N, C-alpha and C. Protein backbone atom coordinates (compact mmCIF):
# COMPACT_ATOMS: atom_id res chain seq x y z
N MET A 1 -108.79 -15.39 -59.13
CA MET A 1 -108.62 -16.82 -59.00
C MET A 1 -107.71 -17.33 -60.10
N ARG A 2 -106.89 -18.28 -59.71
CA ARG A 2 -105.90 -18.85 -60.61
C ARG A 2 -106.27 -20.27 -60.99
N PRO A 3 -106.71 -20.55 -62.20
CA PRO A 3 -107.05 -21.93 -62.57
C PRO A 3 -105.79 -22.79 -62.63
N LEU A 4 -105.88 -24.00 -62.06
CA LEU A 4 -104.72 -24.88 -62.01
C LEU A 4 -104.89 -26.15 -62.82
N LYS A 5 -106.05 -26.80 -62.63
CA LYS A 5 -106.19 -28.12 -63.25
C LYS A 5 -107.65 -28.52 -63.26
N ILE A 6 -108.00 -29.36 -64.21
CA ILE A 6 -109.29 -30.04 -64.21
C ILE A 6 -108.98 -31.47 -63.80
N ALA A 7 -109.71 -31.95 -62.78
CA ALA A 7 -109.42 -33.27 -62.22
C ALA A 7 -110.71 -34.05 -62.00
N LEU A 8 -110.58 -35.37 -62.05
CA LEU A 8 -111.70 -36.28 -61.85
C LEU A 8 -111.61 -36.92 -60.47
N PHE A 9 -112.66 -36.79 -59.66
CA PHE A 9 -112.75 -37.43 -58.34
C PHE A 9 -114.14 -38.03 -58.19
N ASP A 10 -114.17 -39.29 -57.85
CA ASP A 10 -115.44 -39.98 -57.57
C ASP A 10 -116.45 -39.82 -58.70
N GLY A 11 -115.97 -39.80 -59.94
CA GLY A 11 -116.87 -39.72 -61.09
C GLY A 11 -117.30 -38.31 -61.46
N PHE A 12 -116.77 -37.29 -60.78
CA PHE A 12 -117.14 -35.90 -61.07
C PHE A 12 -115.89 -35.13 -61.48
N TRP A 13 -116.06 -34.26 -62.47
CA TRP A 13 -114.97 -33.41 -62.92
C TRP A 13 -115.01 -32.09 -62.16
N TYR A 14 -113.83 -31.63 -61.73
CA TYR A 14 -113.71 -30.38 -60.97
C TYR A 14 -112.67 -29.48 -61.60
N LEU A 15 -112.92 -28.18 -61.52
CA LEU A 15 -111.91 -27.17 -61.83
C LEU A 15 -111.27 -26.79 -60.50
N ILE A 16 -109.97 -26.96 -60.39
CA ILE A 16 -109.25 -26.63 -59.17
C ILE A 16 -108.50 -25.33 -59.40
N THR A 17 -108.70 -24.39 -58.48
CA THR A 17 -108.09 -23.06 -58.60
C THR A 17 -107.41 -22.70 -57.28
N LEU A 18 -106.61 -21.64 -57.33
CA LEU A 18 -106.05 -21.03 -56.12
C LEU A 18 -106.63 -19.64 -56.01
N ASN A 19 -107.10 -19.28 -54.81
CA ASN A 19 -107.60 -17.93 -54.63
C ASN A 19 -106.46 -17.01 -54.17
N SER A 20 -106.75 -15.77 -53.89
CA SER A 20 -105.71 -14.79 -53.54
C SER A 20 -105.03 -15.09 -52.20
N TRP A 21 -105.62 -15.97 -51.38
CA TRP A 21 -105.01 -16.37 -50.10
C TRP A 21 -104.27 -17.69 -50.23
N ASN A 22 -104.03 -18.15 -51.47
CA ASN A 22 -103.38 -19.43 -51.75
C ASN A 22 -104.12 -20.62 -51.15
N THR A 23 -105.42 -20.53 -51.14
CA THR A 23 -106.27 -21.63 -50.71
C THR A 23 -106.90 -22.26 -51.94
N PHE A 24 -106.94 -23.58 -51.96
CA PHE A 24 -107.55 -24.26 -53.10
C PHE A 24 -109.06 -24.05 -53.09
N MET A 25 -109.60 -23.81 -54.26
CA MET A 25 -111.04 -23.74 -54.47
C MET A 25 -111.35 -24.82 -55.51
N LYS A 26 -112.48 -25.50 -55.31
CA LYS A 26 -112.86 -26.55 -56.25
C LYS A 26 -114.28 -26.29 -56.73
N PHE A 27 -114.47 -26.39 -58.04
CA PHE A 27 -115.76 -26.13 -58.63
C PHE A 27 -116.16 -27.30 -59.51
N SER A 28 -117.33 -27.84 -59.28
CA SER A 28 -117.85 -28.91 -60.11
C SER A 28 -118.10 -28.37 -61.51
N LEU A 29 -117.51 -29.00 -62.52
CA LEU A 29 -117.67 -28.50 -63.88
C LEU A 29 -119.13 -28.51 -64.31
N GLY A 30 -119.89 -29.48 -63.82
CA GLY A 30 -121.29 -29.56 -64.19
C GLY A 30 -122.15 -28.44 -63.64
N ARG A 31 -121.61 -27.69 -62.68
CA ARG A 31 -122.38 -26.59 -62.08
C ARG A 31 -121.90 -25.21 -62.53
N ILE A 32 -120.86 -25.17 -63.32
CA ILE A 32 -120.37 -23.88 -63.82
C ILE A 32 -121.30 -23.42 -64.93
N GLU A 33 -121.88 -22.23 -64.76
CA GLU A 33 -122.86 -21.72 -65.72
C GLU A 33 -122.28 -20.69 -66.69
N GLN A 34 -121.28 -19.92 -66.24
CA GLN A 34 -120.70 -18.89 -67.09
C GLN A 34 -119.19 -18.96 -67.02
N VAL A 35 -118.58 -18.75 -68.15
CA VAL A 35 -117.12 -18.68 -68.22
C VAL A 35 -116.77 -17.40 -68.96
N ARG A 36 -115.86 -16.63 -68.38
CA ARG A 36 -115.38 -15.41 -69.03
C ARG A 36 -113.88 -15.56 -69.23
N THR A 37 -113.42 -15.11 -70.36
CA THR A 37 -111.99 -15.14 -70.63
C THR A 37 -111.38 -13.80 -70.24
N HIS A 38 -110.13 -13.87 -69.83
CA HIS A 38 -109.37 -12.67 -69.46
C HIS A 38 -108.02 -12.71 -70.16
N ALA A 39 -107.43 -11.57 -70.32
CA ALA A 39 -106.10 -11.49 -70.93
C ALA A 39 -105.01 -11.88 -69.93
N GLN A 40 -105.33 -11.86 -68.64
CA GLN A 40 -104.35 -12.17 -67.60
C GLN A 40 -103.87 -13.62 -67.74
N THR A 41 -102.58 -13.81 -67.58
CA THR A 41 -102.02 -15.17 -67.63
C THR A 41 -101.42 -15.51 -66.27
N PHE A 42 -101.16 -16.79 -66.05
CA PHE A 42 -100.65 -17.28 -64.78
C PHE A 42 -99.46 -18.19 -65.03
N ALA A 43 -98.50 -18.10 -64.11
CA ALA A 43 -97.38 -19.04 -64.17
C ALA A 43 -97.90 -20.41 -63.76
N PRO A 44 -97.46 -21.45 -64.44
CA PRO A 44 -97.96 -22.79 -64.09
C PRO A 44 -97.55 -23.21 -62.68
N VAL A 45 -98.47 -23.87 -62.00
CA VAL A 45 -98.22 -24.43 -60.67
C VAL A 45 -98.63 -25.89 -60.75
N SER A 46 -97.74 -26.78 -60.39
CA SER A 46 -98.05 -28.21 -60.44
C SER A 46 -98.65 -28.65 -59.11
N ILE A 47 -99.81 -29.28 -59.20
CA ILE A 47 -100.43 -29.85 -58.00
C ILE A 47 -100.58 -31.37 -58.16
N ASP A 48 -99.89 -31.92 -59.15
CA ASP A 48 -100.02 -33.35 -59.43
C ASP A 48 -99.65 -34.21 -58.22
N ASP A 49 -98.58 -33.86 -57.50
CA ASP A 49 -98.19 -34.65 -56.31
C ASP A 49 -99.29 -34.62 -55.26
N LYS A 50 -99.87 -33.45 -55.04
CA LYS A 50 -100.95 -33.33 -54.06
C LYS A 50 -102.16 -34.16 -54.48
N LEU A 51 -102.49 -34.14 -55.76
CA LEU A 51 -103.64 -34.90 -56.24
C LEU A 51 -103.42 -36.41 -56.09
N LEU A 52 -102.19 -36.84 -56.26
CA LEU A 52 -101.90 -38.27 -56.10
C LEU A 52 -102.00 -38.72 -54.65
N GLN A 53 -101.88 -37.80 -53.70
CA GLN A 53 -101.88 -38.14 -52.27
C GLN A 53 -103.25 -38.03 -51.62
N THR A 54 -104.25 -37.61 -52.35
CA THR A 54 -105.55 -37.39 -51.73
C THR A 54 -106.59 -38.38 -52.26
N PRO A 55 -107.43 -38.91 -51.37
CA PRO A 55 -108.43 -39.88 -51.82
C PRO A 55 -109.66 -39.22 -52.46
N ASN A 56 -109.83 -37.90 -52.26
CA ASN A 56 -111.02 -37.23 -52.79
C ASN A 56 -110.75 -35.74 -52.96
N ILE A 57 -111.76 -35.01 -53.34
CA ILE A 57 -111.62 -33.59 -53.67
C ILE A 57 -111.43 -32.71 -52.45
N TRP A 58 -111.55 -33.21 -51.24
CA TRP A 58 -111.56 -32.40 -50.03
C TRP A 58 -110.17 -32.06 -49.50
N PHE A 59 -109.17 -31.97 -50.34
CA PHE A 59 -107.83 -31.61 -49.92
C PHE A 59 -107.68 -30.09 -49.84
N ASP A 60 -106.59 -29.65 -49.23
CA ASP A 60 -106.27 -28.23 -49.21
C ASP A 60 -104.76 -28.09 -49.15
N SER A 61 -104.27 -26.86 -49.20
CA SER A 61 -102.83 -26.64 -49.22
C SER A 61 -102.18 -27.02 -47.90
N GLU A 62 -102.90 -26.85 -46.80
CA GLU A 62 -102.36 -27.19 -45.48
C GLU A 62 -103.08 -28.41 -44.92
N GLN A 63 -102.33 -29.43 -44.61
CA GLN A 63 -102.87 -30.64 -43.97
C GLN A 63 -102.49 -30.51 -42.50
N ASN A 64 -103.29 -29.79 -41.72
CA ASN A 64 -102.86 -29.46 -40.36
C ASN A 64 -103.76 -30.01 -39.25
N VAL A 65 -104.71 -30.87 -39.58
CA VAL A 65 -105.56 -31.48 -38.56
C VAL A 65 -105.05 -32.90 -38.31
N GLU A 66 -104.54 -33.14 -37.12
CA GLU A 66 -104.01 -34.46 -36.75
C GLU A 66 -105.17 -35.41 -36.46
N ILE A 67 -105.13 -36.58 -37.08
CA ILE A 67 -106.18 -37.59 -36.90
C ILE A 67 -105.53 -38.87 -36.39
N LYS A 68 -106.20 -39.51 -35.43
CA LYS A 68 -105.76 -40.82 -34.93
C LYS A 68 -106.94 -41.77 -34.99
N LEU A 69 -106.69 -42.96 -35.53
CA LEU A 69 -107.73 -43.96 -35.70
C LEU A 69 -107.26 -45.31 -35.18
N LYS A 70 -108.21 -46.10 -34.72
CA LYS A 70 -107.92 -47.49 -34.34
C LYS A 70 -108.57 -48.37 -35.39
N ILE A 71 -107.77 -49.22 -35.98
CA ILE A 71 -108.21 -50.09 -37.07
C ILE A 71 -108.33 -51.52 -36.54
N ALA A 72 -109.48 -52.15 -36.75
CA ALA A 72 -109.73 -53.50 -36.26
C ALA A 72 -108.81 -54.52 -36.95
N PRO A 73 -108.48 -55.61 -36.26
CA PRO A 73 -107.60 -56.63 -36.84
C PRO A 73 -108.11 -57.17 -38.18
N SER A 74 -109.42 -57.25 -38.36
CA SER A 74 -109.98 -57.84 -39.58
C SER A 74 -109.65 -57.03 -40.84
N ILE A 75 -109.33 -55.76 -40.70
CA ILE A 75 -109.00 -54.94 -41.88
C ILE A 75 -107.60 -54.33 -41.78
N ALA A 76 -106.86 -54.68 -40.74
CA ALA A 76 -105.53 -54.08 -40.52
C ALA A 76 -104.59 -54.32 -41.70
N GLY A 77 -104.65 -55.48 -42.30
CA GLY A 77 -103.77 -55.79 -43.44
C GLY A 77 -103.95 -54.81 -44.58
N TYR A 78 -105.19 -54.43 -44.83
CA TYR A 78 -105.47 -53.47 -45.90
C TYR A 78 -104.81 -52.14 -45.60
N PHE A 79 -104.88 -51.71 -44.35
CA PHE A 79 -104.34 -50.40 -43.97
C PHE A 79 -102.82 -50.39 -43.89
N LYS A 80 -102.22 -51.57 -43.90
CA LYS A 80 -100.76 -51.63 -43.99
C LYS A 80 -100.29 -51.43 -45.42
N GLU A 81 -101.19 -51.67 -46.38
CA GLU A 81 -100.83 -51.60 -47.79
C GLU A 81 -101.30 -50.34 -48.51
N VAL A 82 -102.39 -49.73 -48.03
CA VAL A 82 -103.01 -48.62 -48.74
C VAL A 82 -102.93 -47.36 -47.91
N GLU A 83 -102.66 -46.24 -48.58
CA GLU A 83 -102.64 -44.96 -47.88
C GLU A 83 -104.06 -44.45 -47.75
N PHE A 84 -104.54 -44.39 -46.53
CA PHE A 84 -105.90 -43.99 -46.20
C PHE A 84 -106.07 -42.48 -46.35
N PHE A 85 -105.05 -41.73 -45.98
CA PHE A 85 -104.99 -40.30 -46.16
C PHE A 85 -103.53 -39.95 -46.36
N PRO A 86 -103.21 -38.71 -46.74
CA PRO A 86 -101.81 -38.37 -47.02
C PRO A 86 -100.88 -38.66 -45.84
N TYR A 87 -99.81 -39.32 -46.13
CA TYR A 87 -98.74 -39.61 -45.17
C TYR A 87 -99.24 -40.30 -43.90
N PRO A 88 -99.92 -41.42 -44.04
CA PRO A 88 -100.36 -42.12 -42.83
C PRO A 88 -99.17 -42.74 -42.12
N LYS A 89 -99.31 -42.89 -40.83
CA LYS A 89 -98.24 -43.49 -40.04
C LYS A 89 -98.85 -44.52 -39.10
N ILE A 90 -98.31 -45.72 -39.13
CA ILE A 90 -98.74 -46.73 -38.17
C ILE A 90 -98.02 -46.43 -36.86
N GLU A 91 -98.78 -45.99 -35.89
CA GLU A 91 -98.21 -45.63 -34.59
C GLU A 91 -97.86 -46.87 -33.78
N LYS A 92 -98.76 -47.87 -33.86
CA LYS A 92 -98.57 -49.04 -33.02
C LYS A 92 -99.42 -50.19 -33.55
N GLU A 93 -98.88 -51.38 -33.49
CA GLU A 93 -99.67 -52.58 -33.76
C GLU A 93 -99.92 -53.25 -32.42
N LEU A 94 -101.18 -53.39 -32.07
CA LEU A 94 -101.54 -53.93 -30.77
C LEU A 94 -101.51 -55.46 -30.78
N LYS A 95 -101.49 -56.05 -29.60
CA LYS A 95 -101.39 -57.50 -29.47
C LYS A 95 -102.52 -58.24 -30.17
N ASP A 96 -103.70 -57.63 -30.21
CA ASP A 96 -104.84 -58.29 -30.85
C ASP A 96 -104.82 -58.15 -32.38
N GLY A 97 -103.81 -57.47 -32.93
CA GLY A 97 -103.69 -57.29 -34.37
C GLY A 97 -104.26 -55.98 -34.88
N SER A 98 -104.89 -55.20 -34.01
CA SER A 98 -105.42 -53.91 -34.45
C SER A 98 -104.28 -52.90 -34.58
N LEU A 99 -104.54 -51.84 -35.30
CA LEU A 99 -103.54 -50.81 -35.55
C LEU A 99 -104.00 -49.47 -35.00
N LEU A 100 -103.06 -48.69 -34.52
CA LEU A 100 -103.29 -47.29 -34.23
C LEU A 100 -102.56 -46.53 -35.32
N ILE A 101 -103.32 -45.78 -36.12
CA ILE A 101 -102.69 -45.02 -37.20
C ILE A 101 -102.98 -43.54 -37.02
N SER A 102 -102.10 -42.72 -37.58
CA SER A 102 -102.28 -41.28 -37.51
C SER A 102 -101.96 -40.68 -38.87
N GLY A 103 -102.40 -39.47 -39.04
CA GLY A 103 -102.14 -38.74 -40.27
C GLY A 103 -102.69 -37.34 -40.12
N LYS A 104 -102.56 -36.58 -41.18
CA LYS A 104 -103.07 -35.21 -41.16
C LYS A 104 -104.01 -35.01 -42.33
N THR A 105 -104.97 -34.13 -42.11
CA THR A 105 -105.93 -33.79 -43.14
C THR A 105 -106.20 -32.30 -43.09
N ALA A 106 -106.82 -31.80 -44.13
CA ALA A 106 -107.19 -30.39 -44.17
C ALA A 106 -108.67 -30.21 -43.83
N ASN A 107 -109.43 -31.27 -44.00
CA ASN A 107 -110.88 -31.17 -43.90
C ASN A 107 -111.42 -32.54 -43.52
N PHE A 108 -112.33 -32.60 -42.57
CA PHE A 108 -112.90 -33.88 -42.15
C PHE A 108 -113.51 -34.64 -43.32
N MET A 109 -114.05 -33.93 -44.31
CA MET A 109 -114.65 -34.60 -45.45
C MET A 109 -113.62 -35.37 -46.27
N GLN A 110 -112.36 -35.08 -46.06
CA GLN A 110 -111.31 -35.82 -46.75
C GLN A 110 -111.23 -37.25 -46.23
N VAL A 111 -111.59 -37.47 -44.96
CA VAL A 111 -111.48 -38.81 -44.37
C VAL A 111 -112.81 -39.43 -43.96
N LEU A 112 -113.85 -38.64 -43.75
CA LEU A 112 -115.14 -39.19 -43.31
C LEU A 112 -115.69 -40.27 -44.25
N PRO A 113 -115.69 -40.06 -45.57
CA PRO A 113 -116.21 -41.13 -46.44
C PRO A 113 -115.41 -42.43 -46.30
N GLN A 114 -114.10 -42.30 -46.10
CA GLN A 114 -113.26 -43.49 -45.93
C GLN A 114 -113.59 -44.20 -44.61
N ILE A 115 -113.77 -43.43 -43.56
CA ILE A 115 -114.11 -44.00 -42.25
C ILE A 115 -115.47 -44.70 -42.34
N GLN A 116 -116.44 -44.03 -42.93
CA GLN A 116 -117.79 -44.60 -43.06
C GLN A 116 -117.76 -45.90 -43.85
N ARG A 117 -116.93 -45.95 -44.85
CA ARG A 117 -116.81 -47.14 -45.69
C ARG A 117 -116.39 -48.37 -44.89
N TRP A 118 -115.61 -48.16 -43.85
CA TRP A 118 -115.05 -49.29 -43.10
C TRP A 118 -115.72 -49.50 -41.74
N LEU A 119 -116.81 -48.78 -41.47
CA LEU A 119 -117.53 -49.01 -40.22
C LEU A 119 -118.08 -50.43 -40.19
N PRO A 120 -118.11 -51.10 -39.09
CA PRO A 120 -117.77 -50.67 -37.74
C PRO A 120 -116.33 -51.01 -37.34
N HIS A 121 -115.44 -51.18 -38.31
CA HIS A 121 -114.08 -51.65 -38.04
C HIS A 121 -113.07 -50.55 -37.77
N ILE A 122 -113.54 -49.30 -37.72
CA ILE A 122 -112.66 -48.16 -37.44
C ILE A 122 -113.24 -47.37 -36.28
N GLU A 123 -112.36 -46.96 -35.38
CA GLU A 123 -112.75 -46.10 -34.26
C GLU A 123 -111.94 -44.81 -34.35
N VAL A 124 -112.62 -43.68 -34.25
CA VAL A 124 -111.92 -42.39 -34.25
C VAL A 124 -111.43 -42.13 -32.84
N ILE A 125 -110.12 -42.04 -32.68
CA ILE A 125 -109.51 -41.73 -31.38
C ILE A 125 -109.46 -40.22 -31.17
N SER A 126 -109.00 -39.50 -32.19
CA SER A 126 -108.97 -38.04 -32.12
C SER A 126 -108.92 -37.49 -33.54
N PRO A 127 -109.34 -36.27 -33.72
CA PRO A 127 -109.84 -35.32 -32.74
C PRO A 127 -111.29 -35.63 -32.36
N HIS A 128 -111.69 -35.13 -31.23
CA HIS A 128 -113.04 -35.36 -30.74
C HIS A 128 -114.08 -34.80 -31.71
N GLU A 129 -113.77 -33.69 -32.37
CA GLU A 129 -114.70 -33.07 -33.31
C GLU A 129 -115.01 -34.01 -34.48
N LEU A 130 -114.01 -34.77 -34.92
CA LEU A 130 -114.23 -35.73 -36.00
C LEU A 130 -115.15 -36.85 -35.53
N ALA A 131 -114.90 -37.37 -34.33
CA ALA A 131 -115.75 -38.43 -33.78
C ALA A 131 -117.18 -37.93 -33.62
N ARG A 132 -117.33 -36.70 -33.14
CA ARG A 132 -118.66 -36.13 -32.95
C ARG A 132 -119.38 -35.94 -34.29
N THR A 133 -118.66 -35.46 -35.29
CA THR A 133 -119.24 -35.26 -36.62
C THR A 133 -119.72 -36.60 -37.20
N LEU A 134 -118.89 -37.63 -37.08
CA LEU A 134 -119.27 -38.96 -37.56
C LEU A 134 -120.51 -39.45 -36.82
N HIS A 135 -120.53 -39.30 -35.51
CA HIS A 135 -121.66 -39.74 -34.69
C HIS A 135 -122.94 -39.02 -35.11
N GLU A 136 -122.86 -37.70 -35.32
CA GLU A 136 -124.03 -36.92 -35.73
C GLU A 136 -124.54 -37.36 -37.09
N GLN A 137 -123.63 -37.62 -38.02
CA GLN A 137 -124.04 -38.06 -39.35
C GLN A 137 -124.75 -39.41 -39.27
N LEU A 138 -124.22 -40.31 -38.46
CA LEU A 138 -124.84 -41.63 -38.32
C LEU A 138 -126.20 -41.53 -37.65
N GLU A 139 -126.32 -40.70 -36.62
CA GLU A 139 -127.61 -40.50 -35.95
C GLU A 139 -128.64 -39.92 -36.92
N ASN A 140 -128.24 -38.92 -37.70
CA ASN A 140 -129.15 -38.32 -38.68
C ASN A 140 -129.62 -39.36 -39.70
N TYR A 141 -128.71 -40.18 -40.15
CA TYR A 141 -129.05 -41.22 -41.10
C TYR A 141 -130.07 -42.19 -40.50
N LEU A 142 -129.80 -42.65 -39.30
CA LEU A 142 -130.70 -43.60 -38.64
C LEU A 142 -132.07 -43.00 -38.39
N GLN A 143 -132.13 -41.72 -38.04
CA GLN A 143 -133.41 -41.06 -37.83
C GLN A 143 -134.20 -40.96 -39.13
N GLN A 144 -133.52 -40.69 -40.21
CA GLN A 144 -134.20 -40.60 -41.51
C GLN A 144 -134.72 -41.95 -41.97
N MET A 145 -134.06 -43.02 -41.57
CA MET A 145 -134.45 -44.35 -42.02
C MET A 145 -135.56 -44.96 -41.15
N SER A 146 -135.85 -44.36 -40.02
CA SER A 146 -136.89 -44.95 -39.15
C SER A 146 -138.21 -44.25 -39.27
């Protein structure tokens, strides 16, 4: 594993590394119990641009899951100004003022907290798996509260 950076997300410090398959691994510093030093050194790799483009720790090297959302008119202005996920694109502004936006993610957890934050003003258009995951999480929550 190649250590890259220590970063702060949502109040937690993480060690971000690259594994032998060039996939990012993230470790909560508070849960690391042992550290061993090695003589091996690594060429520096900058991930600062990637960190600036992600809202949380759930990023990866490949942003290959296409997401489409419908944003209600009441919050559309916010989504015109803020990047909800890396490289968002406003596909269409509808007559009622709502927006259809798209973007790519590496992991549903990269966008689920953002979607949950804006419920009920966001509708997941695609992928179906993201909509289903959100629905299951909400059902589980409601069952626990009753």
